[in-house]
């Protein structure tokens, strides 16, 4: 079975969140190779490097090469720095491929991160540059047991609390395994001594009673919730809740979402920049403002024996094409765009660039009049998973208990569903997210105010969310795309084993400039 077939099967059986989790796992999105002791020095006098793209990979390269003594310059297509490190605030405008312009009408202080939205604790590269830039971080709440798991075809379409499904599934599985142990059906696999220990562990893990049953009672209700919660005085006596039968849980398919938060990148602690993910790109851009040329669309890349020349056009002022030149070039332009730019590189490099399709994804941000998820449902941050096309609803991890407005991530979808969202107009995407969200939170119907929708295949400067290597393509082309081709080296999340994560861009950049520096200094 191919990787794509496996992910498709997982998606059909277990839902979108499980498919994304599987994608992350197969892409080795667990750990980072970043070493904080990294440093370059001793650039040859007068040596220059042309950098294409002012995303994180390009700006890391520029910062570190400049520190080492190189003369650097960056050409950037957009009118801002950061690339996919991007936040949309009230007053911003965004024009997608096809010409539709959205005018963001969020209230002051509210925003949507169309691209990356979280920083895992073990992605030490991006965290290092956050510290270096003075970017303030706050906790990102990935798993919230009070959020929901929702299926249109289970429990009458009524959303279930994450904690309830998790408790009932794990409790039922623990009961089944304890029965097998007690009936000596696992004697060959477990010693007598270990069996007793495992039984106690199962009782604790699954909230089983003294007879190793997962039944209505204090133990199970302490995990799944009470019908009437414990309190003080005469009203303090709790009423225990009735677990859902294992058969109903299995048929619902909701069990597919309870492991969505168990992958290493999703494990606590996660972080987010205060004020939006785009703060990182903005602060990096301020640091490097003297070497960045914005609104510069590269239309040709040509190398010869002495250097690399990029031809570009000014997307604001217009005029005839201009050129920029460096002795060497670090190219961070996404492969989806680079494949359309004439460039004289080796056939192996060119084929590697052609071999990377870019995944479909769409995010929809919805501003609500009040924070009803907190006020009405005790949900503070975290994610609700659904089998509807919008896939997830994520709650803001800022301004808890405030009486003001808030922006929900009303859709974050991948694959075929994202392609359907992409085929819609921005307003149609927003309307769809509101309609689907109302099946989980009826308050949507009265609380929704305004929204913005970004479908990544319509983002002109990436034409897709992230590089989506197949297993066969990576085996054939990955080493080739990492090579220094003449005087050009590529970097970015697509040139990493951590696609879609900012850490992939950071570590790819550091690896590329380290090898380039070694090539230059060794002559």
Protein backbone atom coordinates (compact mmCIF):
# COMPACT_ATOMS: atom_id res chain seq x y z
CA UNK A 1 0.00 0.00 0.00
CA UNK A 2 1.37 3.41 -0.95
CA UNK A 3 1.57 6.28 1.49
CA UNK A 4 -1.20 8.12 -0.37
CA UNK A 5 -3.48 5.05 -0.32
CA UNK A 6 -2.84 4.58 3.39
CA UNK A 7 -3.67 8.22 4.18
CA UNK A 8 -6.83 8.02 2.05
CA UNK A 9 -7.94 4.87 3.89
CA UNK A 10 -7.24 6.42 7.29
CA UNK A 11 -9.19 9.50 6.24
CA UNK A 12 -12.21 7.48 5.18
CA UNK A 13 -12.27 5.34 8.31
CA UNK A 14 -11.12 7.69 11.03
CA UNK A 15 -11.74 11.22 9.80
CA UNK A 16 -9.78 14.24 8.70
CA UNK A 17 -7.91 14.82 11.96
CA UNK A 18 -6.59 11.26 12.01
CA UNK A 19 -5.52 11.56 8.37
CA UNK A 20 -3.61 14.75 9.15
CA UNK A 21 -2.02 13.06 12.15
CA UNK A 22 -0.94 10.18 9.91
CA UNK A 23 0.49 12.65 7.39
CA UNK A 24 2.53 14.31 10.11
CA UNK A 25 3.80 10.97 11.36
CA UNK A 26 4.82 9.69 7.94
CA UNK A 27 6.57 12.99 7.25
CA UNK A 28 8.69 12.49 10.36
CA UNK A 29 7.28 15.66 11.91
CA UNK A 30 8.40 14.70 15.37
CA UNK A 31 11.73 16.28 16.20
CA UNK A 32 14.15 18.92 15.01
CA UNK A 33 17.83 18.70 14.11
CA UNK A 34 18.44 22.29 15.17
CA UNK A 35 21.58 22.88 17.23
CA UNK A 36 21.62 26.20 19.08
CA UNK A 37 25.42 26.19 18.89
CA UNK A 38 25.16 26.72 15.12
CA UNK A 39 27.35 29.53 13.80
CA UNK A 40 29.04 30.54 10.57
CA UNK A 41 32.11 32.74 10.27
CA UNK A 42 34.95 33.64 7.94
CA UNK A 43 33.23 34.61 4.71
CA UNK A 44 35.68 35.48 1.91
CA UNK A 45 36.02 39.24 1.57
CA UNK A 46 33.44 40.68 -0.80
CA UNK A 47 31.53 37.39 -1.28
CA UNK A 48 27.83 37.91 -1.98
CA UNK A 49 24.73 35.76 -1.79
CA UNK A 50 21.46 36.49 -3.55
CA UNK A 51 18.45 35.16 -1.63
CA UNK A 52 15.10 34.62 -3.32
CA UNK A 53 12.14 34.83 -0.95
CA UNK A 54 11.71 36.58 2.41
CA UNK A 55 9.92 33.77 4.15
CA UNK A 56 11.49 32.23 7.23
CA UNK A 57 13.96 30.13 5.25
CA UNK A 58 15.16 33.16 3.28
CA UNK A 59 15.45 35.44 6.28
CA UNK A 60 17.27 32.84 8.40
CA UNK A 61 19.74 32.45 5.53
CA UNK A 62 20.19 36.21 5.18
CA UNK A 63 20.66 36.78 8.91
CA UNK A 64 23.21 34.01 9.41
CA UNK A 65 25.15 34.70 6.19
CA UNK A 66 25.33 38.40 6.97
CA UNK A 67 26.67 37.61 10.44
CA UNK A 68 29.34 35.46 8.80
CA UNK A 69 30.47 38.40 6.66
CA UNK A 70 28.64 37.88 3.37
CA UNK A 71 26.97 40.65 1.44
CA UNK A 72 23.33 39.60 1.06
CA UNK A 73 20.23 40.85 -0.68
CA UNK A 74 16.69 39.38 -0.76
CA UNK A 75 14.05 39.64 -3.46
CA UNK A 76 10.50 39.14 -2.14
CA UNK A 77 7.32 38.90 -4.20
CA UNK A 78 4.96 40.23 -1.51
CA UNK A 79 4.67 43.70 -0.01
CA UNK A 80 5.59 42.20 3.40
CA UNK A 81 8.02 39.69 4.85
CA UNK A 82 7.25 36.29 6.36
CA UNK A 83 5.84 34.24 3.50
CA UNK A 84 3.39 31.73 4.94
CA UNK A 85 4.20 33.13 8.39
CA UNK A 86 1.25 35.46 8.05
CA UNK A 87 -1.60 36.98 10.03
CA UNK A 88 -4.63 38.87 8.73
CA UNK A 89 -5.90 41.75 10.88
CA UNK A 90 -8.77 44.20 10.59
CA UNK A 91 -8.01 46.69 7.83
CA UNK A 92 -5.88 44.27 5.80
CA UNK A 93 -6.75 43.35 2.24
CA UNK A 94 -5.91 40.12 0.45
CA UNK A 95 -6.38 39.38 -3.25
CA UNK A 96 -6.40 35.73 -4.27
CA UNK A 97 -5.71 34.14 -7.64
CA UNK A 98 -8.63 35.09 -9.86
CA UNK A 99 -8.75 38.67 -8.59
CA UNK A 100 -11.23 38.52 -5.70
CA UNK A 101 -10.15 40.88 -2.93
CA UNK A 102 -11.19 40.40 0.69
CA UNK A 103 -11.29 43.36 3.06
CA UNK A 104 -10.70 42.05 6.56
CA UNK A 105 -13.17 43.60 9.00
CA UNK A 106 -12.06 42.03 12.28
CA UNK A 107 -12.11 44.26 15.34
CA UNK A 108 -8.81 45.64 16.64
CA UNK A 109 -6.61 42.97 18.18
CA UNK A 110 -8.38 40.06 16.46
CA UNK A 111 -6.78 38.09 13.65
CA UNK A 112 -6.58 34.89 11.61
CA UNK A 113 -3.36 32.96 10.98
CA UNK A 114 -3.97 31.65 7.42
CA UNK A 115 -0.79 29.56 7.56
CA UNK A 116 1.08 28.18 10.58
CA UNK A 117 -0.65 28.73 13.90
CA UNK A 118 1.37 26.85 16.55
CA UNK A 119 4.94 26.21 17.67
CA UNK A 120 5.73 22.78 19.18
CA UNK A 121 8.01 22.77 22.22
CA UNK A 122 10.59 20.60 20.45
CA UNK A 123 10.91 22.80 17.35
CA UNK A 124 13.93 24.49 18.82
CA UNK A 125 14.97 26.30 15.65
CA UNK A 126 11.91 28.50 15.27
CA UNK A 127 11.79 28.98 19.06
CA UNK A 128 15.42 30.12 18.98
CA UNK A 129 14.68 32.83 16.42
CA UNK A 130 11.58 33.91 18.37
CA UNK A 131 13.85 34.49 21.37
CA UNK A 132 16.45 36.23 19.26
CA UNK A 133 13.84 38.57 17.78
CA UNK A 134 12.14 39.23 21.11
CA UNK A 135 8.85 37.66 20.02
CA UNK A 136 6.66 37.10 23.07
CA UNK A 137 5.06 33.66 23.21
CA UNK A 138 1.99 32.34 24.98
CA UNK A 139 0.53 28.85 25.38
CA UNK A 140 -1.36 27.25 22.52
CA UNK A 141 -4.02 24.86 23.78
CA UNK A 142 -4.15 21.93 21.36
CA UNK A 143 -6.22 19.38 23.28
CA UNK A 144 -9.31 20.48 25.17
CA UNK A 145 -11.33 17.69 26.74
CA UNK A 146 -14.32 20.04 26.98
CA UNK A 147 -14.35 20.60 23.19
CA UNK A 148 -16.34 18.37 20.87
CA UNK A 149 -16.04 15.47 18.48
CA UNK A 150 -18.82 15.50 15.92
CA UNK A 151 -20.18 13.13 13.29
CA UNK A 152 -23.20 13.84 11.14
CA UNK A 153 -24.14 10.16 11.29
CA UNK A 154 -23.63 9.37 14.98
CA UNK A 155 -25.72 10.19 18.03
CA UNK A 156 -28.31 11.95 15.90
CA UNK A 157 -25.72 14.43 14.68
CA UNK A 158 -25.30 15.78 18.21
CA UNK A 159 -21.70 16.70 19.09
CA UNK A 160 -20.08 14.74 21.90
CA UNK A 161 -17.57 16.11 24.39
CA UNK A 162 -14.05 14.93 23.60
CA UNK A 163 -13.66 13.66 27.18
CA UNK A 164 -16.79 11.49 26.89
CA UNK A 165 -15.72 9.66 23.75
CA UNK A 166 -12.15 9.25 25.01
CA UNK A 167 -13.28 7.91 28.39
CA UNK A 168 -15.85 5.50 26.97
CA UNK A 169 -13.57 4.12 24.28
CA UNK A 170 -10.59 3.64 26.58
CA UNK A 171 -12.77 2.27 29.37
CA UNK A 172 -14.38 -0.32 27.12
CA UNK A 173 -11.04 -1.38 25.65
CA UNK A 174 -9.53 -1.66 29.14
CA UNK A 175 -12.44 -3.86 30.23
CA UNK A 176 -12.03 -6.16 27.25
CA UNK A 177 -8.30 -6.56 27.85
CA UNK A 178 -8.77 -7.15 31.57
CA UNK A 179 -11.24 -9.94 30.78
CA UNK A 180 -8.70 -11.56 28.46
CA UNK A 181 -6.08 -11.40 31.22
CA UNK A 182 -8.41 -12.86 33.82
CA UNK A 183 -9.36 -15.69 31.51
CA UNK A 184 -5.69 -16.57 31.02
CA UNK A 185 -5.94 -15.95 27.31
CA UNK A 186 -2.68 -14.02 27.27
CA UNK A 187 -0.53 -16.40 29.32
CA UNK A 188 2.06 -16.74 26.60
CA UNK A 189 2.44 -12.97 26.25
CA UNK A 190 2.29 -11.87 29.90
CA UNK A 191 3.80 -13.49 33.01
CA UNK A 192 1.63 -14.06 36.09
CA UNK A 193 3.40 -11.27 37.96
CA UNK A 194 3.08 -8.84 35.07
CA UNK A 195 -0.56 -9.80 34.60
CA UNK A 196 -1.44 -8.58 38.09
CA UNK A 197 0.39 -5.32 37.50
CA UNK A 198 -1.26 -4.89 34.10
CA UNK A 199 -4.71 -5.47 35.59
CA UNK A 200 -4.14 -2.70 38.09
CA UNK A 201 -2.83 -0.46 35.33
CA UNK A 202 -5.90 -1.18 33.18
CA UNK A 203 -8.20 -0.40 36.09
CA UNK A 204 -6.48 2.94 36.54
CA UNK A 205 -6.21 3.78 32.82
CA UNK A 206 -9.74 2.78 31.92
CA UNK A 207 -11.51 3.99 35.10
CA UNK A 208 -12.78 0.47 35.79
CA UNK A 209 -14.60 -0.55 38.97
CA UNK A 210 -13.34 -3.12 41.48
CA UNK A 211 -14.63 -5.91 39.24
CA UNK A 212 -12.79 -4.52 36.21
CA UNK A 213 -15.95 -3.29 34.54
CA UNK A 214 -16.42 0.01 32.80
CA UNK A 215 -19.84 0.96 34.13
CA UNK A 216 -21.84 3.90 35.40
CA UNK A 217 -20.21 5.10 38.62
CA UNK A 218 -17.79 7.52 40.22
CA UNK A 219 -14.73 6.20 38.38
CA UNK A 220 -16.17 6.51 34.88
CA UNK A 221 -17.97 9.79 35.58
CA UNK A 222 -14.74 11.33 36.84
CA UNK A 223 -13.43 10.91 33.27
CA UNK A 224 -16.48 11.35 31.04
CA UNK A 225 -18.37 13.85 33.18
CA UNK A 226 -21.32 13.76 35.57
CA UNK A 227 -25.00 14.26 34.84
CA UNK A 228 -25.02 16.46 37.94
CA UNK A 229 -21.59 17.65 38.99
CA UNK A 230 -20.31 17.43 42.59
CA UNK A 231 -20.80 20.62 44.55
CA UNK A 232 -21.34 22.03 48.01
CA UNK A 233 -24.15 21.69 50.53
CA UNK A 234 -27.40 19.88 49.83
CA UNK A 235 -26.92 20.28 46.09
CA UNK A 236 -23.47 18.72 46.18
CA UNK A 237 -24.38 15.05 45.68
CA UNK A 238 -23.25 14.02 42.17
CA UNK A 239 -25.32 12.06 39.69
CA UNK A 240 -23.27 9.62 37.66
CA UNK A 241 -23.52 9.52 33.87
CA UNK A 242 -24.21 6.47 31.72
CA UNK A 243 -21.34 5.36 29.47
CA UNK A 244 -22.00 4.84 25.80
CA UNK A 245 -21.79 1.20 24.73
CA UNK A 246 -18.60 0.16 22.95
CA UNK A 247 -20.58 -0.93 19.90
CA UNK A 248 -22.07 2.55 19.55
CA UNK A 249 -18.66 4.20 19.94
CA UNK A 250 -17.14 1.92 17.30
CA UNK A 251 -19.96 2.48 14.83
CA UNK A 252 -19.82 6.24 15.33
CA UNK A 253 -16.23 6.47 14.09
CA UNK A 254 -15.56 9.19 16.67
CA UNK A 255 -12.77 7.11 18.16
CA UNK A 256 -10.73 8.17 15.12
CA UNK A 257 -10.29 11.68 16.52
CA UNK A 258 -9.24 10.96 20.11
CA UNK A 259 -5.61 10.32 19.13
CA UNK A 260 -5.36 13.52 17.07
CA UNK A 261 -3.45 15.23 19.88
CA UNK A 262 -0.98 12.42 20.61
CA UNK A 263 1.61 13.09 17.92
CA UNK A 264 4.81 14.65 19.21
CA UNK A 265 4.24 18.03 17.48
CA UNK A 266 0.77 18.18 19.04
CA UNK A 267 1.86 17.24 22.55
CA UNK A 268 2.08 19.92 25.24
CA UNK A 269 3.60 22.36 25.48
CA UNK A 270 2.79 24.30 22.31
CA UNK A 271 3.17 28.05 21.85
CA UNK A 272 1.93 30.90 19.70
CA UNK A 273 3.25 34.45 19.28
CA UNK A 274 1.31 37.10 21.17
CA UNK A 275 -0.60 39.08 18.56
CA UNK A 276 -0.48 36.54 15.74
CA UNK A 277 1.98 34.24 14.00
CA UNK A 278 2.87 36.99 11.53
CA UNK A 279 4.69 38.85 14.29
CA UNK A 280 7.71 36.59 13.66
CA UNK A 281 7.92 37.44 9.97
CA UNK A 282 7.36 41.13 10.62
CA UNK A 283 10.09 41.39 13.27
CA UNK A 284 12.52 39.40 11.14
CA UNK A 285 11.76 41.75 8.25
CA UNK A 286 12.41 44.81 10.40
CA UNK A 287 15.79 43.37 11.37
CA UNK A 288 16.74 42.82 7.72
CA UNK A 289 14.91 45.75 6.11
CA UNK A 290 18.09 47.17 4.59
CA UNK A 291 18.69 44.06 2.46
CA UNK A 292 15.12 43.18 1.42
CA UNK A 293 13.48 44.41 -1.76
CA UNK A 294 9.69 43.88 -1.58
CA UNK A 295 7.20 43.68 -4.47
CA UNK A 296 9.80 41.91 -6.62
CA UNK A 297 8.49 39.04 -8.72
CA UNK A 298 11.27 36.80 -9.99
CA UNK A 299 10.68 35.78 -13.60
CA UNK A 300 14.03 34.16 -14.50
CA UNK A 301 17.05 32.70 -12.70
CA UNK A 302 20.29 32.26 -14.60
CA UNK A 303 23.64 31.06 -13.33
CA UNK A 304 27.07 31.10 -14.96
CA UNK A 305 30.61 30.34 -13.85
CA UNK A 306 30.90 33.50 -11.74
CA UNK A 307 27.47 34.05 -10.22
CA UNK A 308 23.68 33.99 -10.33
CA UNK A 309 21.40 36.60 -11.85
CA UNK A 310 17.70 36.90 -11.03
CA UNK A 311 15.47 38.89 -13.33
CA UNK A 312 12.47 40.43 -11.59
CA UNK A 313 9.63 42.86 -12.14
CA UNK A 314 8.28 45.44 -9.70
CA UNK A 315 4.68 44.38 -8.99
CA UNK A 316 3.69 47.88 -7.82
CA UNK A 317 5.62 50.36 -9.95
CA UNK A 318 5.81 48.22 -13.07
CA UNK A 319 8.41 49.22 -15.62
CA UNK A 320 10.94 47.09 -17.48
CA UNK A 321 12.44 43.95 -15.89
CA UNK A 322 15.39 44.52 -13.55
CA UNK A 323 18.18 42.23 -12.39
CA UNK A 324 19.93 41.37 -9.14
CA UNK A 325 23.12 39.35 -8.95
CA UNK A 326 25.14 37.48 -6.37
CA UNK A 327 28.15 35.19 -6.40
CA UNK A 328 25.87 32.49 -5.02
CA UNK A 329 22.12 32.01 -4.60
CA UNK A 330 19.87 30.58 -1.89
CA UNK A 331 16.48 30.03 -3.50
CA UNK A 332 13.52 29.58 -1.13
CA UNK A 333 10.75 30.08 -3.68
CA UNK A 334 8.14 27.29 -3.27
CA UNK A 335 8.56 24.50 -5.81
CA UNK A 336 5.01 25.11 -7.06
CA UNK A 337 6.16 28.56 -8.26
CA UNK A 338 9.78 27.71 -9.03
CA UNK A 339 8.67 25.03 -11.48
CA UNK A 340 7.23 27.84 -13.66
CA UNK A 341 10.35 30.05 -13.60
CA UNK A 342 13.04 29.50 -16.26
CA UNK A 343 16.23 28.41 -14.48
CA UNK A 344 19.34 26.72 -15.84
CA UNK A 345 19.96 23.91 -13.38
CA UNK A 346 20.80 20.25 -13.89
CA UNK A 347 18.13 17.83 -15.14
CA UNK A 348 18.20 16.06 -11.75
CA UNK A 349 17.42 19.30 -9.91
CA UNK A 350 14.74 20.29 -12.40
CA UNK A 351 13.01 16.93 -12.15
CA UNK A 352 13.12 17.14 -8.36
CA UNK A 353 11.39 20.52 -8.47
CA UNK A 354 8.73 19.12 -10.80
CA UNK A 355 8.17 16.12 -8.50
CA UNK A 356 6.62 18.05 -5.57
CA UNK A 357 2.87 18.67 -5.71
CA UNK A 358 1.47 21.12 -3.16
CA UNK A 359 -1.33 20.11 -0.82
CA UNK A 360 -4.76 21.74 -0.77
CA UNK A 361 -5.81 23.51 2.40
CA UNK A 362 -8.29 26.17 3.43
CA UNK A 363 -8.76 28.23 6.58
CA UNK A 364 -11.79 30.31 7.47
CA UNK A 365 -11.78 32.84 10.31
CA UNK A 366 -15.14 33.86 11.80
CA UNK A 367 -15.64 36.84 14.11
CA UNK A 368 -18.39 36.35 16.68
CA UNK A 369 -20.19 39.06 18.66
CA UNK A 370 -19.40 37.33 21.95
CA UNK A 371 -17.26 34.43 23.18
CA UNK A 372 -20.21 32.04 23.53
CA UNK A 373 -17.97 28.96 23.56
CA UNK A 374 -16.61 30.17 26.90
CA UNK A 375 -19.76 31.74 28.33
CA UNK A 376 -22.18 28.98 27.33
CA UNK A 377 -20.06 25.83 27.01
CA UNK A 378 -16.94 26.21 29.18
CA UNK A 379 -14.56 25.79 26.24
CA UNK A 380 -11.30 27.71 26.61
CA UNK A 381 -8.98 27.14 23.65
CA UNK A 382 -8.44 23.79 21.98
CA UNK A 383 -10.06 22.12 19.00
CA UNK A 384 -13.38 20.53 18.04
CA UNK A 385 -13.23 17.84 15.35
CA UNK A 386 -16.02 17.12 12.88
CA UNK A 387 -16.57 14.91 9.84
CA UNK A 388 -18.11 17.84 7.98
CA UNK A 389 -16.09 19.57 5.28
CA UNK A 390 -14.84 22.26 7.66
CA UNK A 391 -12.96 19.51 9.59
CA UNK A 392 -12.18 21.49 12.74
CA UNK A 393 -13.25 24.44 14.83
CA UNK A 394 -10.46 25.97 16.92
CA UNK A 395 -11.06 28.36 19.78
CA UNK A 396 -8.81 31.36 20.50
CA UNK A 397 -6.11 30.85 23.11
CA UNK A 398 -6.11 34.50 24.11
CA UNK A 399 -8.25 36.91 26.14
CA UNK A 400 -9.95 34.23 28.22
CA UNK A 401 -12.98 35.51 30.15
CA UNK A 402 -13.06 38.77 28.22
CA UNK A 403 -16.49 40.14 27.37
CA UNK A 404 -15.47 41.26 23.93
CA UNK A 405 -15.66 39.61 20.55
CA UNK A 406 -13.55 36.71 19.34
CA UNK A 407 -12.41 35.02 16.13
CA UNK A 408 -12.93 31.30 15.73
CA UNK A 409 -11.02 29.21 13.24
CA UNK A 410 -14.22 27.99 11.64
CA UNK A 411 -12.60 25.66 9.11
CA UNK A 412 -9.17 24.13 8.62
CA UNK A 413 -9.45 21.50 5.97
CA UNK A 414 -7.14 19.44 3.76
CA UNK A 415 -7.37 17.16 0.74
CA UNK A 416 -10.56 16.75 -1.30
CA UNK A 417 -12.66 18.86 1.07
CA UNK A 418 -10.14 21.68 0.80
CA UNK A 419 -10.37 21.43 -2.99
CA UNK A 420 -14.14 21.87 -2.73
CA UNK A 421 -13.65 24.92 -0.50
CA UNK A 422 -11.11 26.27 -2.97
CA UNK A 423 -13.63 26.04 -5.81
CA UNK A 424 -15.95 28.39 -3.89
CA UNK A 425 -15.78 32.16 -3.66
CA UNK A 426 -14.47 33.51 -0.34
CA UNK A 427 -17.98 34.45 0.76
CA UNK A 428 -19.28 30.99 -0.12
CA UNK A 429 -16.50 29.44 2.01
CA UNK A 430 -17.47 31.67 4.91
CA UNK A 431 -21.17 30.83 4.51
CA UNK A 432 -20.37 27.11 4.41
CA UNK A 433 -18.24 27.32 7.55
CA UNK A 434 -21.02 29.17 9.38
CA UNK A 435 -23.65 26.65 8.28
CA UNK A 436 -21.52 23.65 9.31
CA UNK A 437 -20.45 25.25 12.56
CA UNK A 438 -24.08 25.85 13.52
CA UNK A 439 -24.57 22.07 13.62
CA UNK A 440 -22.19 22.04 16.57
CA UNK A 441 -22.72 25.52 18.02
CA UNK A 442 -26.26 26.78 17.26
CA UNK A 443 -25.10 30.19 18.54
CA UNK A 444 -23.40 30.72 15.16
CA UNK A 445 -26.76 31.73 13.70
CA UNK A 446 -27.09 34.81 15.90
CA UNK A 447 -23.49 35.58 16.88
CA UNK A 448 -21.61 35.57 13.54
CA UNK A 449 -20.48 39.00 12.27
CA UNK A 450 -17.77 38.79 9.63
CA UNK A 451 -15.18 36.43 8.22
CA UNK A 452 -12.22 35.86 5.93
CA UNK A 453 -11.30 32.72 3.97
CA UNK A 454 -7.91 31.73 2.54
CA UNK A 455 -7.69 28.76 0.17
CA UNK A 456 -4.02 28.01 -0.38
CA UNK A 457 -4.21 26.85 -3.98
CA UNK A 458 -5.44 30.38 -4.74
CA UNK A 459 -2.61 32.11 -2.88
CA UNK A 460 -0.62 33.57 -5.82
CA UNK A 461 2.82 33.20 -4.26
CA UNK A 462 2.56 29.53 -3.21
CA UNK A 463 -0.29 27.90 -5.18
CA UNK A 464 -0.72 25.35 -2.38
CA UNK A 465 -0.26 24.85 1.33
CA UNK A 466 2.95 22.83 1.57
CA UNK A 467 5.15 20.46 -0.38
CA UNK A 468 3.46 17.05 -0.36
CA UNK A 469 6.10 14.48 -1.19
CA UNK A 470 5.02 10.96 -2.05
CA UNK A 471 7.19 8.21 -0.63
CA UNK A 472 8.43 7.22 -4.09
CA UNK A 473 9.16 10.80 -5.15
CA UNK A 474 11.10 11.50 -1.96
CA UNK A 475 13.18 8.34 -2.44
CA UNK A 476 13.99 9.35 -6.02
CA UNK A 477 14.39 13.13 -5.82
CA UNK A 478 14.96 14.33 -2.24
CA UNK A 479 18.75 14.06 -2.23
CA UNK A 480 18.89 15.78 -5.61
CA UNK A 481 16.82 18.76 -4.50
CA UNK A 482 19.11 19.22 -1.50
CA UNK A 483 22.28 19.37 -3.58
CA UNK A 484 24.17 22.55 -4.41
CA UNK A 485 23.56 22.85 -8.15
CA UNK A 486 26.39 24.93 -9.58
CA UNK A 487 25.98 28.13 -7.57
CA UNK A 488 22.37 27.60 -6.47
CA UNK A 489 21.04 25.82 -3.38
CA UNK A 490 17.37 25.46 -2.45
CA UNK A 491 15.82 25.79 1.01
CA UNK A 492 12.35 25.80 2.54
CA UNK A 493 9.87 23.46 4.18
CA UNK A 494 9.65 21.53 0.91
CA UNK A 495 13.40 20.78 1.18
CA UNK A 496 13.00 19.13 4.58
CA UNK A 497 11.72 16.05 6.34
CA UNK A 498 9.32 18.27 8.30
CA UNK A 499 7.03 19.57 5.55
CA UNK A 500 4.34 22.11 6.48
CA UNK A 501 6.14 23.04 9.71
CA UNK A 502 8.14 26.25 10.09
CA UNK A 503 10.88 24.18 11.70
CA UNK A 504 11.34 22.49 8.34
CA UNK A 505 12.05 25.86 6.74
CA UNK A 506 14.48 26.87 9.50
CA UNK A 507 16.48 23.63 9.56
CA UNK A 508 16.50 23.37 5.77
CA UNK A 509 17.92 26.88 5.53
CA UNK A 510 20.62 26.24 8.10
CA UNK A 511 21.64 23.00 6.40
CA UNK A 512 21.76 24.71 2.99
CA UNK A 513 23.85 27.71 4.05
CA UNK A 514 26.20 25.53 6.11
CA UNK A 515 27.01 23.40 3.09
CA UNK A 516 27.19 26.47 0.84
CA UNK A 517 29.61 28.18 3.23
CA UNK A 518 31.78 25.08 3.25
CA UNK A 519 31.78 24.99 -0.55
CA UNK A 520 32.72 28.68 -0.78
CA UNK A 521 35.45 28.69 1.85
CA UNK A 522 37.06 25.52 0.52
CA UNK A 523 37.20 26.99 -2.95
